[in-house]
Amino acid sequence: MGFKHFIPPYATANGSKILYGVNYASGSAGIRDESGIEQGDNINLRKQLANHRKIVSRIAHMLRSKKSAVGHLKKCLYSFVIGSNDYINNYFVPQFYITSRIYTPEQYAKVLVKQFLNQIKKLYKLGARKIHISGVGQIGCTPYSISYFGTNNGSLCVDKLNDAAVLFNKQLKLAVKRLNEKFKGAKFIFDDPTNAPAPTGLDFNGCCEVRKDGLCIPGKPTTCQDRNKSIFFDSIHPTEVVYKTSANRTLNSLDPSELYPINLLQLARLQIKTN
């Protein structure tokens, strides 16, 4: 993609660095305001968009005009990778949240996508024109999910979690299609990680001793000799080698079941014409 450095987080982004990009991500955060709060404080999607609004104002001030800021922002690439916490740290932990008692999985997927769309449209109004939207991966195949929920019917993964992810992804892909039909001066792409080829030749065991929540115990040494031979680092998050494979797929895949309607590299190179 041509970046020489990692994009700085919002908390430390300053000066001209913000013209090259800002990372608004927050661990355990979700589309819904309450998702992940049992893990501690986080910055949910609504607050992330509020932070972006502040960055847009700073860019306009830096470039000395709103018009120049709009011209800059339409060239930028925006990427959403969010939603898994709305399931593993919300819907499927009823001891903390009531969503599973209010909605069926089908209803929850529709509600979640509707909330997500409201935030995406806000981003569009702030000048975003090239937007990558990732669906939820196979959350039922993590070591944590398997140990916490258990499996049945001979399945290797927790089917109810993966089935919920598929429902969400189907709704989200349809929403992306409608966004492209409605906003002709923008391009939205949908990334479906559930259709990605499964990693092969890698160890399923993690690389650290984990707590009850599946995360590494701080200060403990790693337990695998070569993390490049493992799928998971803790019991939830993949290792770097898996993320690199995933990133390469998102950039280059020509399979519309994985990246729709184009891949990330094609989106980045796209020339957007807007009023």
C-alpha atoms as a PDB file:
ATOM      1  CA  MET A   1       0.000   0.000   0.000  1.00  0.00           C
ATOM      2  CA  GLY A   2       3.038   2.264   0.144  1.00  0.00           C
ATOM      3  CA  PHE A   3       2.999   3.166   3.843  1.00  0.00           C
ATOM      4  CA  LYS A   4       6.405   3.546   5.470  1.00  0.00           C
ATOM      5  CA  HIS A   5       5.042   3.466   9.034  1.00  0.00           C
ATOM      6  CA  PHE A   6       2.070   2.105  10.921  1.00  0.00           C
ATOM      7  CA  ILE A   7      -0.887   4.472  11.100  1.00  0.00           C
ATOM      8  CA  PRO A   8      -0.851   6.156  14.548  1.00  0.00           C
ATOM      9  CA  PRO A   9      -3.699   5.663  17.034  1.00  0.00           C
ATOM     10  CA  TYR A  10      -6.088   8.553  17.574  1.00  0.00           C
ATOM     11  CA  ALA A  11      -4.767   9.183  21.091  1.00  0.00           C
ATOM     12  CA  THR A  12      -1.292  10.109  19.811  1.00  0.00           C
ATOM     13  CA  ALA A  13      -1.982  11.316  16.248  1.00  0.00           C
ATOM     14  CA  ASN A  14      -0.833  14.902  15.871  1.00  0.00           C
ATOM     15  CA  GLY A  15       0.485  17.436  13.391  1.00  0.00           C
ATOM     16  CA  SER A  16       0.709  16.520   9.716  1.00  0.00           C
ATOM     17  CA  LYS A  17       0.669  12.802  10.596  1.00  0.00           C
ATOM     18  CA  ILE A  18      -3.122  12.891  10.557  1.00  0.00           C
ATOM     19  CA  LEU A  19      -3.028  13.564   6.798  1.00  0.00           C
ATOM     20  CA  TYR A  20      -1.618  10.057   6.292  1.00  0.00           C
ATOM     21  CA  GLY A  21      -4.165   8.247   8.417  1.00  0.00           C
ATOM     22  CA  VAL A  22      -5.487   7.629  11.915  1.00  0.00           C
ATOM     23  CA  ASN A  23      -6.332   4.367  13.666  1.00  0.00           C
ATOM     24  CA  TYR A  24      -9.510   4.640  15.763  1.00  0.00           C
ATOM     25  CA  ALA A  25      -9.670   0.976  16.804  1.00  0.00           C
ATOM     26  CA  SER A  26     -10.356  -0.005  20.405  1.00  0.00           C
ATOM     27  CA  GLY A  27      -9.946  -3.465  21.921  1.00  0.00           C
ATOM     28  CA  SER A  28     -13.239  -5.236  22.805  1.00  0.00           C
ATOM     29  CA  ALA A  29     -15.306  -2.429  21.201  1.00  0.00           C
ATOM     30  CA  GLY A  30     -18.292  -3.134  19.009  1.00  0.00           C
ATOM     31  CA  ILE A  31     -20.969  -1.588  16.836  1.00  0.00           C
ATOM     32  CA  ARG A  32     -23.331  -1.460  19.812  1.00  0.00           C
ATOM     33  CA  ASP A  33     -22.419   0.952  22.587  1.00  0.00           C
ATOM     34  CA  GLU A  34     -22.451  -1.657  25.331  1.00  0.00           C
ATOM     35  CA  SER A  35     -20.472  -4.421  23.608  1.00  0.00           C
ATOM     36  CA  GLY A  36     -17.312  -5.466  25.426  1.00  0.00           C
ATOM     37  CA  ILE A  37     -17.772  -3.267  28.492  1.00  0.00           C
ATOM     38  CA  GLU A  38     -17.573  -6.327  30.759  1.00  0.00           C
ATOM     39  CA  GLN A  39     -13.891  -6.398  29.692  1.00  0.00           C
ATOM     40  CA  GLY A  40     -13.356  -2.799  30.825  1.00  0.00           C
ATOM     41  CA  ASP A  41     -13.462   0.612  29.153  1.00  0.00           C
ATOM     42  CA  ASN A  42     -13.440   0.805  25.378  1.00  0.00           C
ATOM     43  CA  ILE A  43     -14.273   3.297  22.615  1.00  0.00           C
ATOM     44  CA  ASN A  44     -17.324   2.009  20.752  1.00  0.00           C
ATOM     45  CA  LEU A  45     -17.996   2.709  17.081  1.00  0.00           C
ATOM     46  CA  ARG A  46     -20.188   5.721  17.781  1.00  0.00           C
ATOM     47  CA  LYS A  47     -17.379   7.349  19.782  1.00  0.00           C
ATOM     48  CA  GLN A  48     -14.812   6.363  17.139  1.00  0.00           C
ATOM     49  CA  LEU A  49     -16.830   8.290  14.546  1.00  0.00           C
ATOM     50  CA  ALA A  50     -16.998  11.254  16.927  1.00  0.00           C
ATOM     51  CA  ASN A  51     -13.197  11.152  17.174  1.00  0.00           C
ATOM     52  CA  HIS A  52     -12.958  11.056  13.392  1.00  0.00           C
ATOM     53  CA  ARG A  53     -15.179  14.130  13.182  1.00  0.00           C
ATOM     54  CA  LYS A  54     -12.604  15.971  15.293  1.00  0.00           C
ATOM     55  CA  ILE A  55      -9.812  14.813  12.971  1.00  0.00           C
ATOM     56  CA  VAL A  56     -11.759  16.071   9.944  1.00  0.00           C
ATOM     57  CA  SER A  57     -12.024  19.495  11.591  1.00  0.00           C
ATOM     58  CA  ARG A  58      -8.281  19.486  12.262  1.00  0.00           C
ATOM     59  CA  ILE A  59      -7.570  18.562   8.636  1.00  0.00           C
ATOM     60  CA  ALA A  60      -9.794  21.402   7.386  1.00  0.00           C
ATOM     61  CA  HIS A  61      -7.945  23.805   9.673  1.00  0.00           C
ATOM     62  CA  MET A  62      -4.563  22.454   8.543  1.00  0.00           C
ATOM     63  CA  LEU A  63      -5.427  22.709   4.835  1.00  0.00           C
ATOM     64  CA  ARG A  64      -7.077  26.094   5.447  1.00  0.00           C
ATOM     65  CA  SER A  65     -10.379  25.282   3.769  1.00  0.00           C
ATOM     66  CA  LYS A  66     -13.242  22.815   3.960  1.00  0.00           C
ATOM     67  CA  LYS A  67     -13.020  22.312   0.168  1.00  0.00           C
ATOM     68  CA  SER A  68      -9.380  21.224   0.387  1.00  0.00           C
ATOM     69  CA  ALA A  69     -10.246  18.875   3.237  1.00  0.00           C
ATOM     70  CA  VAL A  70     -13.049  17.285   1.180  1.00  0.00           C
ATOM     71  CA  GLY A  71     -10.643  16.820  -1.744  1.00  0.00           C
ATOM     72  CA  HIS A  72      -8.145  15.133   0.562  1.00  0.00           C
ATOM     73  CA  LEU A  73     -10.673  12.880   2.326  1.00  0.00           C
ATOM     74  CA  LYS A  74     -12.176  11.495  -0.880  1.00  0.00           C
ATOM     75  CA  LYS A  75      -8.740  10.055  -1.738  1.00  0.00           C
ATOM     76  CA  CYS A  76      -8.462   8.326   1.634  1.00  0.00           C
ATOM     77  CA  LEU A  77      -9.165   4.663   2.249  1.00  0.00           C
ATOM     78  CA  TYR A  78     -11.409   3.765   5.180  1.00  0.00           C
ATOM     79  CA  SER A  79     -11.529   0.305   6.703  1.00  0.00           C
ATOM     80  CA  PHE A  80     -14.023  -1.148   9.175  1.00  0.00           C
ATOM     81  CA  VAL A  81     -13.076  -4.381  10.937  1.00  0.00           C
ATOM     82  CA  ILE A  82     -15.658  -4.620  13.688  1.00  0.00           C
ATOM     83  CA  GLY A  83     -18.595  -6.753  14.804  1.00  0.00           C
ATOM     84  CA  SER A  84     -17.144  -9.879  16.418  1.00  0.00           C
ATOM     85  CA  ASN A  85     -17.338  -8.316  19.885  1.00  0.00           C
ATOM     86  CA  ASP A  86     -21.057  -7.695  19.344  1.00  0.00           C
ATOM     87  CA  TYR A  87     -21.342 -11.483  19.456  1.00  0.00           C
ATOM     88  CA  ILE A  88     -18.583 -12.893  21.672  1.00  0.00           C
ATOM     89  CA  ASN A  89     -18.714  -9.953  24.093  1.00  0.00           C
ATOM     90  CA  ASN A  90     -22.443  -9.291  23.922  1.00  0.00           C
ATOM     91  CA  TYR A  91     -24.980 -11.659  22.343  1.00  0.00           C
ATOM     92  CA  PHE A  92     -23.379 -14.908  23.487  1.00  0.00           C
ATOM     93  CA  VAL A  93     -22.664 -13.879  27.082  1.00  0.00           C
ATOM     94  CA  PRO A  94     -26.223 -13.556  28.475  1.00  0.00           C
ATOM     95  CA  GLN A  95     -24.879 -13.260  32.011  1.00  0.00           C
ATOM     96  CA  PHE A  96     -23.768  -9.728  31.055  1.00  0.00           C
ATOM     97  CA  TYR A  97     -26.151  -8.679  28.264  1.00  0.00           C
ATOM     98  CA  ILE A  98     -29.854  -9.080  27.450  1.00  0.00           C
ATOM     99  CA  THR A  99     -29.616  -9.007  23.630  1.00  0.00           C
ATOM    100  CA  SER A 100     -30.031 -12.789  23.229  1.00  0.00           C
ATOM    101  CA  ARG A 101     -33.237 -12.613  25.282  1.00  0.00           C
ATOM    102  CA  ILE A 102     -34.620  -9.816  23.102  1.00  0.00           C
ATOM    103  CA  TYR A 103     -33.593 -10.937  19.601  1.00  0.00           C
ATOM    104  CA  THR A 104     -33.326 -14.153  17.644  1.00  0.00           C
ATOM    105  CA  PRO A 105     -30.007 -14.478  15.764  1.00  0.00           C
ATOM    106  CA  GLU A 106     -31.779 -13.358  12.563  1.00  0.00           C
ATOM    107  CA  GLN A 107     -33.294 -10.301  14.273  1.00  0.00           C
ATOM    108  CA  TYR A 108     -30.010  -9.415  15.950  1.00  0.00           C
ATOM    109  CA  ALA A 109     -28.142  -9.526  12.633  1.00  0.00           C
ATOM    110  CA  LYS A 110     -30.663  -7.101  11.104  1.00  0.00           C
ATOM    111  CA  VAL A 111     -30.540  -4.742  14.093  1.00  0.00           C
ATOM    112  CA  LEU A 112     -26.744  -4.820  14.152  1.00  0.00           C
ATOM    113  CA  VAL A 113     -26.403  -4.130  10.426  1.00  0.00           C
ATOM    114  CA  LYS A 114     -28.909  -1.271  10.683  1.00  0.00           C
ATOM    115  CA  GLN A 115     -26.861   0.343  13.472  1.00  0.00           C
ATOM    116  CA  PHE A 116     -23.676  -0.235  11.486  1.00  0.00           C
ATOM    117  CA  LEU A 117     -25.179   1.410   8.394  1.00  0.00           C
ATOM    118  CA  ASN A 118     -26.131   4.503  10.387  1.00  0.00           C
ATOM    119  CA  GLN A 119     -22.474   4.961  11.363  1.00  0.00           C
ATOM    120  CA  ILE A 120     -21.208   4.257   7.825  1.00  0.00           C
ATOM    121  CA  LYS A 121     -23.564   6.919   6.451  1.00  0.00           C
ATOM    122  CA  LYS A 122     -22.221   9.383   9.014  1.00  0.00           C
ATOM    123  CA  LEU A 123     -18.729   8.628   7.754  1.00  0.00           C
ATOM    124  CA  TYR A 124     -19.904   9.246   4.188  1.00  0.00           C
ATOM    125  CA  LYS A 125     -21.305  12.635   5.226  1.00  0.00           C
ATOM    126  CA  LEU A 126     -17.883  13.475   6.664  1.00  0.00           C
ATOM    127  CA  GLY A 127     -16.338  12.965   3.221  1.00  0.00           C
ATOM    128  CA  ALA A 128     -15.435   9.264   3.042  1.00  0.00           C
ATOM    129  CA  ARG A 129     -15.758   7.838  -0.476  1.00  0.00           C
ATOM    130  CA  LYS A 130     -13.661   4.632  -0.490  1.00  0.00           C
ATOM    131  CA  ILE A 131     -14.806   2.290   2.252  1.00  0.00           C
ATOM    132  CA  HIS A 132     -13.796  -1.305   3.037  1.00  0.00           C
ATOM    133  CA  ILE A 133     -16.216  -3.151   5.337  1.00  0.00           C
ATOM    134  CA  SER A 134     -15.242  -6.501   6.826  1.00  0.00           C
ATOM    135  CA  GLY A 135     -17.734  -9.056   8.023  1.00  0.00           C
ATOM    136  CA  VAL A 136     -17.339 -11.271  11.092  1.00  0.00           C
ATOM    137  CA  GLY A 137     -15.014 -14.258  10.846  1.00  0.00           C
ATOM    138  CA  GLN A 138     -15.481 -17.805  12.111  1.00  0.00           C
ATOM    139  CA  ILE A 139     -15.741 -16.843  15.766  1.00  0.00           C
ATOM    140  CA  GLY A 140     -16.866 -20.343  16.695  1.00  0.00           C
ATOM    141  CA  CYS A 141     -13.492 -21.832  15.704  1.00  0.00           C
ATOM    142  CA  THR A 142     -11.286 -20.093  18.268  1.00  0.00           C
ATOM    143  CA  PRO A 143      -9.832 -22.254  21.073  1.00  0.00           C
ATOM    144  CA  TYR A 144     -11.656 -20.019  23.581  1.00  0.00           C
ATOM    145  CA  SER A 145     -15.081 -20.535  21.960  1.00  0.00           C
ATOM    146  CA  ILE A 146     -14.555 -24.284  21.708  1.00  0.00           C
ATOM    147  CA  SER A 147     -13.485 -24.615  25.352  1.00  0.00           C
ATOM    148  CA  TYR A 148     -16.183 -22.219  26.651  1.00  0.00           C
ATOM    149  CA  PHE A 149     -19.209 -23.421  24.656  1.00  0.00           C
ATOM    150  CA  GLY A 150     -18.198 -26.920  23.636  1.00  0.00           C
ATOM    151  CA  THR A 151     -19.059 -28.559  20.313  1.00  0.00           C
ATOM    152  CA  ASN A 152     -21.632 -31.157  19.280  1.00  0.00           C
ATOM    153  CA  ASN A 153     -22.710 -33.343  16.353  1.00  0.00           C
ATOM    154  CA  GLY A 154     -19.075 -34.052  15.575  1.00  0.00           C
ATOM    155  CA  SER A 155     -18.379 -30.440  14.626  1.00  0.00           C
ATOM    156  CA  LEU A 156     -14.873 -29.061  15.122  1.00  0.00           C
ATOM    157  CA  CYS A 157     -16.252 -25.563  15.880  1.00  0.00           C
ATOM    158  CA  VAL A 158     -19.151 -23.980  17.776  1.00  0.00           C
ATOM    159  CA  ASP A 159     -21.833 -23.972  15.096  1.00  0.00           C
ATOM    160  CA  LYS A 160     -24.193 -21.474  16.726  1.00  0.00           C
ATOM    161  CA  LEU A 161     -21.465 -18.798  16.752  1.00  0.00           C
ATOM    162  CA  ASN A 162     -20.444 -19.395  13.140  1.00  0.00           C
ATOM    163  CA  ASP A 163     -24.080 -19.542  12.016  1.00  0.00           C
ATOM    164  CA  ALA A 164     -24.687 -16.151  13.656  1.00  0.00           C
ATOM    165  CA  ALA A 165     -21.646 -14.703  11.872  1.00  0.00           C
ATOM    166  CA  VAL A 166     -22.946 -15.968   8.515  1.00  0.00           C
ATOM    167  CA  LEU A 167     -26.358 -14.362   9.148  1.00  0.00           C
ATOM    168  CA  PHE A 168     -24.679 -11.034   9.924  1.00  0.00           C
ATOM    169  CA  ASN A 169     -22.398 -11.243   6.888  1.00  0.00           C
ATOM    170  CA  LYS A 170     -25.284 -11.977   4.503  1.00  0.00           C
ATOM    171  CA  GLN A 171     -27.186  -8.948   5.755  1.00  0.00           C
ATOM    172  CA  LEU A 172     -24.062  -6.779   5.589  1.00  0.00           C
ATOM    173  CA  LYS A 173     -23.216  -7.823   2.024  1.00  0.00           C
ATOM    174  CA  LEU A 174     -26.743  -6.876   0.894  1.00  0.00           C
ATOM    175  CA  ALA A 175     -26.363  -3.539   2.679  1.00  0.00           C
ATOM    176  CA  VAL A 176     -23.069  -2.871   0.861  1.00  0.00           C
ATOM    177  CA  LYS A 177     -24.756  -3.612  -2.458  1.00  0.00           C
ATOM    178  CA  ARG A 178     -27.508  -1.090  -1.628  1.00  0.00           C
ATOM    179  CA  LEU A 179     -24.939   1.515  -0.568  1.00  0.00           C
ATOM    180  CA  ASN A 180     -23.198   1.237  -3.944  1.00  0.00           C
ATOM    181  CA  GLU A 181     -26.531   1.641  -5.724  1.00  0.00           C
ATOM    182  CA  LYS A 182     -27.507   4.682  -3.671  1.00  0.00           C
ATOM    183  CA  PHE A 183     -24.207   6.564  -3.452  1.00  0.00           C
ATOM    184  CA  LYS A 184     -22.860   6.628  -7.010  1.00  0.00           C
ATOM    185  CA  GLY A 185     -19.988   8.947  -6.102  1.00  0.00           C
ATOM    186  CA  ALA A 186     -18.539   6.464  -3.625  1.00  0.00           C
ATOM    187  CA  LYS A 187     -17.372   2.845  -3.550  1.00  0.00           C
ATOM    188  CA  PHE A 188     -18.035   0.355  -0.781  1.00  0.00           C
ATOM    189  CA  ILE A 189     -16.541  -3.145  -0.716  1.00  0.00           C
ATOM    190  CA  PHE A 190     -17.502  -6.100   1.464  1.00  0.00           C
ATOM    191  CA  ASP A 191     -14.908  -8.488   2.869  1.00  0.00           C
ATOM    192  CA  ASP A 192     -16.238 -11.913   3.957  1.00  0.00           C
ATOM    193  CA  PRO A 193     -13.632 -13.710   6.101  1.00  0.00           C
ATOM    194  CA  THR A 194     -15.893 -16.763   6.537  1.00  0.00           C
ATOM    195  CA  ASN A 195     -15.300 -17.598   2.867  1.00  0.00           C
ATOM    196  CA  ALA A 196     -11.515 -17.378   3.180  1.00  0.00           C
ATOM    197  CA  PRO A 197      -9.526 -20.620   2.862  1.00  0.00           C
ATOM    198  CA  ALA A 198      -8.684 -22.122   6.251  1.00  0.00           C
ATOM    199  CA  PRO A 199      -4.991 -22.021   7.280  1.00  0.00           C
ATOM    200  CA  THR A 200      -3.205 -25.301   6.601  1.00  0.00           C
ATOM    201  CA  GLY A 201      -0.083 -26.870   8.097  1.00  0.00           C
ATOM    202  CA  LEU A 202      -0.273 -24.779  11.271  1.00  0.00           C
ATOM    203  CA  ASP A 203      -0.619 -25.793  14.922  1.00  0.00           C
ATOM    204  CA  PHE A 204      -3.990 -25.039  16.501  1.00  0.00           C
ATOM    205  CA  ASN A 205      -2.582 -24.508  20.007  1.00  0.00           C
ATOM    206  CA  GLY A 206      -1.880 -20.969  21.199  1.00  0.00           C
ATOM    207  CA  CYS A 207       1.456 -19.421  22.146  1.00  0.00           C
ATOM    208  CA  CYS A 208       0.773 -18.321  25.716  1.00  0.00           C
ATOM    209  CA  GLU A 209      -0.873 -19.327  28.963  1.00  0.00           C
ATOM    210  CA  VAL A 210      -4.334 -17.773  29.003  1.00  0.00           C
ATOM    211  CA  ARG A 211      -6.727 -16.328  31.540  1.00  0.00           C
ATOM    212  CA  LYS A 212     -10.399 -17.300  31.804  1.00  0.00           C
ATOM    213  CA  ASP A 213     -11.257 -14.741  29.129  1.00  0.00           C
ATOM    214  CA  GLY A 214      -8.902 -16.374  26.634  1.00  0.00           C
ATOM    215  CA  LEU A 215      -6.260 -13.619  26.675  1.00  0.00           C
ATOM    216  CA  CYS A 216      -2.611 -14.087  27.606  1.00  0.00           C
ATOM    217  CA  ILE A 217      -1.576 -13.941  31.259  1.00  0.00           C
ATOM    218  CA  PRO A 218       0.646 -10.824  31.469  1.00  0.00           C
ATOM    219  CA  GLY A 219       4.318 -11.502  32.159  1.00  0.00           C
ATOM    220  CA  LYS A 220       4.224 -15.192  31.292  1.00  0.00           C
ATOM    221  CA  PRO A 221       6.636 -16.465  28.611  1.00  0.00           C
ATOM    222  CA  THR A 222       5.392 -17.688  25.242  1.00  0.00           C
ATOM    223  CA  THR A 223       4.719 -21.404  25.053  1.00  0.00           C
ATOM    224  CA  CYS A 224       5.442 -22.109  21.372  1.00  0.00           C
ATOM    225  CA  GLN A 225       8.953 -22.213  19.947  1.00  0.00           C
ATOM    226  CA  ASP A 226       7.910 -20.715  16.613  1.00  0.00           C
ATOM    227  CA  ARG A 227       4.742 -18.613  16.560  1.00  0.00           C
ATOM    228  CA  ASN A 228       4.837 -18.680  12.741  1.00  0.00           C
ATOM    229  CA  LYS A 229       3.761 -22.308  12.993  1.00  0.00           C
ATOM    230  CA  SER A 230       0.647 -21.527  15.061  1.00  0.00           C
ATOM    231  CA  ILE A 231      -2.788 -20.233  14.053  1.00  0.00           C
ATOM    232  CA  PHE A 232      -3.536 -18.545  17.376  1.00  0.00           C
ATOM    233  CA  PHE A 233      -1.392 -16.475  19.702  1.00  0.00           C
ATOM    234  CA  ASP A 234      -3.782 -16.502  22.680  1.00  0.00           C
ATOM    235  CA  SER A 235      -7.103 -18.378  22.612  1.00  0.00           C
ATOM    236  CA  ILE A 236      -8.873 -15.745  20.496  1.00  0.00           C
ATOM    237  CA  HIS A 237      -6.488 -13.759  18.302  1.00  0.00           C
ATOM    238  CA  PRO A 238      -4.567 -15.174  15.310  1.00  0.00           C
ATOM    239  CA  THR A 239      -0.794 -14.927  14.969  1.00  0.00           C
ATOM    240  CA  GLU A 240       0.959 -12.482  12.652  1.00  0.00           C
ATOM    241  CA  VAL A 241       1.456 -15.112   9.956  1.00  0.00           C
ATOM    242  CA  VAL A 242      -2.320 -15.653   9.775  1.00  0.00           C
ATOM    243  CA  TYR A 243      -3.010 -11.907   9.696  1.00  0.00           C
ATOM    244  CA  LYS A 244      -0.503 -11.519   6.842  1.00  0.00           C
ATOM    245  CA  THR A 245      -2.298 -14.204   4.858  1.00  0.00           C
ATOM    246  CA  SER A 246      -5.615 -12.521   5.577  1.00  0.00           C
ATOM    247  CA  ALA A 247      -4.267  -9.111   4.545  1.00  0.00           C
ATOM    248  CA  ASN A 248      -2.906 -10.528   1.290  1.00  0.00           C
ATOM    249  CA  ARG A 249      -6.301 -12.054   0.519  1.00  0.00           C
ATOM    250  CA  THR A 250      -8.107  -8.780   1.225  1.00  0.00           C
ATOM    251  CA  LEU A 251      -5.688  -6.891  -1.013  1.00  0.00           C
ATOM    252  CA  ASN A 252      -5.596  -9.265  -3.952  1.00  0.00           C
ATOM    253  CA  SER A 253      -8.461 -11.771  -4.010  1.00  0.00           C
ATOM    254  CA  LEU A 254     -10.502 -11.796  -7.227  1.00  0.00           C
ATOM    255  CA  ASP A 255     -13.130 -14.122  -5.753  1.00  0.00           C
ATOM    256  CA  PRO A 256     -16.404 -12.136  -5.334  1.00  0.00           C
ATOM    257  CA  SER A 257     -17.463 -14.462  -2.524  1.00  0.00           C
ATOM    258  CA  GLU A 258     -14.486 -13.127  -0.534  1.00  0.00           C
ATOM    259  CA  LEU A 259     -14.199  -9.494  -1.728  1.00  0.00           C
ATOM    260  CA  TYR A 260     -17.247  -7.849  -3.299  1.00  0.00           C
ATOM    261  CA  PRO A 261     -17.419  -6.160  -5.775  1.00  0.00           C
ATOM    262  CA  ILE A 262     -13.643  -5.464  -5.928  1.00  0.00           C
ATOM    263  CA  ASN A 263     -10.627  -6.066  -3.701  1.00  0.00           C
ATOM    264  CA  LEU A 264      -8.870  -3.588  -1.437  1.00  0.00           C
ATOM    265  CA  LEU A 265      -6.006  -2.813  -3.815  1.00  0.00           C
ATOM    266  CA  GLN A 266      -8.472  -2.021  -6.610  1.00  0.00           C
ATOM    267  CA  LEU A 267     -10.396   0.207  -4.219  1.00  0.00           C
ATOM    268  CA  ALA A 268      -7.233   2.046  -3.184  1.00  0.00           C
ATOM    269  CA  ARG A 269      -6.342   2.753  -6.815  1.00  0.00           C
ATOM    270  CA  LEU A 270      -9.854   3.817  -7.761  1.00  0.00           C
ATOM    271  CA  GLN A 271     -10.275   7.423  -8.846  1.00  0.00           C
ATOM    272  CA  ILE A 272     -13.405   8.779  -7.190  1.00  0.00           C
ATOM    273  CA  LYS A 273     -15.195  11.666  -8.872  1.00  0.00           C
ATOM    274  CA  THR A 274     -17.424  13.619  -6.526  1.00  0.00           C
ATOM    275  CA  ASN A 275     -19.129  16.989  -6.501  1.00  0.00           C
END
